[in-house]
Amino acid sequence: MTSLLEVGMQGMNKQVSALRTRQQKTLEQIFKTPVPAGIKWSDIESLIKALGGEVKEGRGSRCKFLLNGKIANFHRPHPSPDTDKGTVAGLREWLESAGVTP
């Protein structure tokens, strides 16, 4: 008998394997060591949506991501569209807590 957690993880694995090439590359970049900087914010939003998550706009540059019952708040980078290492590290931790790995 499989547990609900295992069923949920199997579903997430299917979602990860169904990503487009660019989304898959974004996911792989997020999980690189050392933590990279410079991932385009629009690519991150596209990845979250492709995984079945939601992206909600907040005030100013605030952005909320919802995926598998997990919530994360980030600040959209500006004026550059590229994320810094701290944001990428936080995003990686949140994705892992939501059951997403490359």
C-alpha atoms as a PDB file:
ATOM      1  CA  MET A   1       0.000   0.000   0.000  1.00  0.00           C
ATOM      2  CA  THR A   2       1.357   3.459  -0.879  1.00  0.00           C
ATOM      3  CA  SER A   3       1.019   6.431   1.431  1.00  0.00           C
ATOM      4  CA  LEU A   4      -0.570   9.732   0.463  1.00  0.00           C
ATOM      5  CA  LEU A   5       2.878  11.335   0.546  1.00  0.00           C
ATOM      6  CA  GLU A   6       4.204   8.784  -1.956  1.00  0.00           C
ATOM      7  CA  VAL A   7       1.195   9.337  -4.225  1.00  0.00           C
ATOM      8  CA  GLY A   8       1.757  13.109  -4.032  1.00  0.00           C
ATOM      9  CA  MET A   9       5.451  12.723  -4.854  1.00  0.00           C
ATOM     10  CA  GLN A  10       4.671  10.474  -7.815  1.00  0.00           C
ATOM     11  CA  GLY A  11       2.319  13.144  -9.146  1.00  0.00           C
ATOM     12  CA  MET A  12       4.996  15.794  -8.703  1.00  0.00           C
ATOM     13  CA  ASN A  13       7.551  13.620 -10.512  1.00  0.00           C
ATOM     14  CA  LYS A  14       5.140  13.430 -13.460  1.00  0.00           C
ATOM     15  CA  GLN A  15       4.797  17.218 -13.436  1.00  0.00           C
ATOM     16  CA  VAL A  16       8.574  17.669 -13.389  1.00  0.00           C
ATOM     17  CA  SER A  17       9.059  15.205 -16.253  1.00  0.00           C
ATOM     18  CA  ALA A  18       6.399  17.040 -18.302  1.00  0.00           C
ATOM     19  CA  LEU A  19       8.204  20.400 -18.157  1.00  0.00           C
ATOM     20  CA  ARG A  20       9.306  22.122 -21.322  1.00  0.00           C
ATOM     21  CA  THR A  21      13.044  22.233 -21.974  1.00  0.00           C
ATOM     22  CA  ARG A  22      13.444  25.838 -20.806  1.00  0.00           C
ATOM     23  CA  GLN A  23      11.494  25.155 -17.601  1.00  0.00           C
ATOM     24  CA  GLN A  24      13.569  22.028 -16.948  1.00  0.00           C
ATOM     25  CA  LYS A  25      16.774  24.057 -17.407  1.00  0.00           C
ATOM     26  CA  THR A  26      15.486  26.692 -14.983  1.00  0.00           C
ATOM     27  CA  LEU A  27      14.770  23.985 -12.385  1.00  0.00           C
ATOM     28  CA  GLU A  28      18.253  22.529 -12.873  1.00  0.00           C
ATOM     29  CA  GLN A  29      19.819  25.998 -12.488  1.00  0.00           C
ATOM     30  CA  ILE A  30      17.971  26.556  -9.211  1.00  0.00           C
ATOM     31  CA  PHE A  31      19.430  23.321  -7.803  1.00  0.00           C
ATOM     32  CA  LYS A  32      23.031  23.893  -8.993  1.00  0.00           C
ATOM     33  CA  THR A  33      25.866  24.047  -6.479  1.00  0.00           C
ATOM     34  CA  PRO A  34      27.160  26.631  -5.798  1.00  0.00           C
ATOM     35  CA  VAL A  35      23.950  28.653  -5.844  1.00  0.00           C
ATOM     36  CA  PRO A  36      23.837  30.642  -9.088  1.00  0.00           C
ATOM     37  CA  ALA A  37      22.671  34.209  -9.572  1.00  0.00           C
ATOM     38  CA  GLY A  38      21.175  35.658 -12.714  1.00  0.00           C
ATOM     39  CA  ILE A  39      18.165  33.411 -13.337  1.00  0.00           C
ATOM     40  CA  LYS A  40      15.475  35.437 -15.097  1.00  0.00           C
ATOM     41  CA  TRP A  41      12.448  36.098 -12.888  1.00  0.00           C
ATOM     42  CA  SER A  42      10.048  35.413 -15.768  1.00  0.00           C
ATOM     43  CA  ASP A  43      11.595  31.937 -16.171  1.00  0.00           C
ATOM     44  CA  ILE A  44      10.992  31.243 -12.466  1.00  0.00           C
ATOM     45  CA  GLU A  45       7.343  32.326 -12.718  1.00  0.00           C
ATOM     46  CA  SER A  46       6.901  30.135 -15.809  1.00  0.00           C
ATOM     47  CA  LEU A  47       8.364  27.154 -13.928  1.00  0.00           C
ATOM     48  CA  ILE A  48       6.047  27.605 -10.932  1.00  0.00           C
ATOM     49  CA  LYS A  49       2.979  27.799 -13.184  1.00  0.00           C
ATOM     50  CA  ALA A  50       4.093  24.734 -15.180  1.00  0.00           C
ATOM     51  CA  LEU A  51       4.383  22.771 -11.924  1.00  0.00           C
ATOM     52  CA  GLY A  52       0.747  23.598 -11.166  1.00  0.00           C
ATOM     53  CA  GLY A  53       1.491  26.434  -8.765  1.00  0.00           C
ATOM     54  CA  GLU A  54       0.070  29.917  -8.518  1.00  0.00           C
ATOM     55  CA  VAL A  55       1.840  33.248  -8.743  1.00  0.00           C
ATOM     56  CA  LYS A  56       0.054  36.074  -6.940  1.00  0.00           C
ATOM     57  CA  GLU A  57       1.067  39.696  -7.223  1.00  0.00           C
ATOM     58  CA  GLY A  58       1.429  41.702  -4.038  1.00  0.00           C
ATOM     59  CA  ARG A  59       2.134  45.346  -3.361  1.00  0.00           C
ATOM     60  CA  GLY A  60       5.105  46.829  -5.119  1.00  0.00           C
ATOM     61  CA  SER A  61       7.565  44.120  -6.045  1.00  0.00           C
ATOM     62  CA  ARG A  62       6.149  41.486  -3.693  1.00  0.00           C
ATOM     63  CA  CYS A  63       5.163  38.151  -5.158  1.00  0.00           C
ATOM     64  CA  LYS A  64       3.595  35.080  -3.511  1.00  0.00           C
ATOM     65  CA  PHE A  65       4.084  31.555  -4.823  1.00  0.00           C
ATOM     66  CA  LEU A  66       1.711  28.716  -3.872  1.00  0.00           C
ATOM     67  CA  LEU A  67       2.524  25.092  -4.685  1.00  0.00           C
ATOM     68  CA  ASN A  68       1.400  21.827  -3.031  1.00  0.00           C
ATOM     69  CA  GLY A  69       0.087  23.670   0.003  1.00  0.00           C
ATOM     70  CA  LYS A  70       3.369  25.537   0.524  1.00  0.00           C
ATOM     71  CA  ILE A  71       3.550  29.334   0.367  1.00  0.00           C
ATOM     72  CA  ALA A  72       6.612  31.489  -0.264  1.00  0.00           C
ATOM     73  CA  ASN A  73       6.980  35.247  -0.500  1.00  0.00           C
ATOM     74  CA  PHE A  74       9.672  36.852  -2.612  1.00  0.00           C
ATOM     75  CA  HIS A  75      10.526  40.275  -3.944  1.00  0.00           C
ATOM     76  CA  ARG A  76      10.641  40.511  -7.702  1.00  0.00           C
ATOM     77  CA  PRO A  77      14.073  41.813  -8.730  1.00  0.00           C
ATOM     78  CA  HIS A  78      14.226  45.311 -10.150  1.00  0.00           C
ATOM     79  CA  PRO A  79      15.382  47.119 -12.167  1.00  0.00           C
ATOM     80  CA  SER A  80      17.227  44.048 -13.481  1.00  0.00           C
ATOM     81  CA  PRO A  81      15.109  40.948 -14.260  1.00  0.00           C
ATOM     82  CA  ASP A  82      17.815  38.653 -12.825  1.00  0.00           C
ATOM     83  CA  THR A  83      17.565  37.078  -9.367  1.00  0.00           C
ATOM     84  CA  ASP A  84      20.312  37.186  -6.757  1.00  0.00           C
ATOM     85  CA  LYS A  85      21.842  34.181  -4.966  1.00  0.00           C
ATOM     86  CA  GLY A  86      19.802  34.687  -1.797  1.00  0.00           C
ATOM     87  CA  THR A  87      16.525  34.545  -3.688  1.00  0.00           C
ATOM     88  CA  VAL A  88      17.622  31.447  -5.604  1.00  0.00           C
ATOM     89  CA  ALA A  89      18.634  29.717  -2.341  1.00  0.00           C
ATOM     90  CA  GLY A  90      15.259  30.567  -0.771  1.00  0.00           C
ATOM     91  CA  LEU A  91      13.452  29.357  -3.866  1.00  0.00           C
ATOM     92  CA  ARG A  92      15.375  26.067  -3.754  1.00  0.00           C
ATOM     93  CA  GLU A  93      14.424  25.488  -0.094  1.00  0.00           C
ATOM     94  CA  TRP A  94      10.767  26.251  -0.821  1.00  0.00           C
ATOM     95  CA  LEU A  95      10.672  23.931  -3.851  1.00  0.00           C
ATOM     96  CA  GLU A  96      12.218  21.122  -1.798  1.00  0.00           C
ATOM     97  CA  SER A  97       9.598  21.635   0.931  1.00  0.00           C
ATOM     98  CA  ALA A  98       6.921  21.382  -1.778  1.00  0.00           C
ATOM     99  CA  GLY A  99       8.409  18.087  -2.993  1.00  0.00           C
ATOM    100  CA  VAL A 100      10.034  19.417  -6.166  1.00  0.00           C
ATOM    101  CA  THR A 101      13.549  18.407  -7.231  1.00  0.00           C
ATOM    102  CA  PRO A 102      15.065  18.056 -10.701  1.00  0.00           C
END
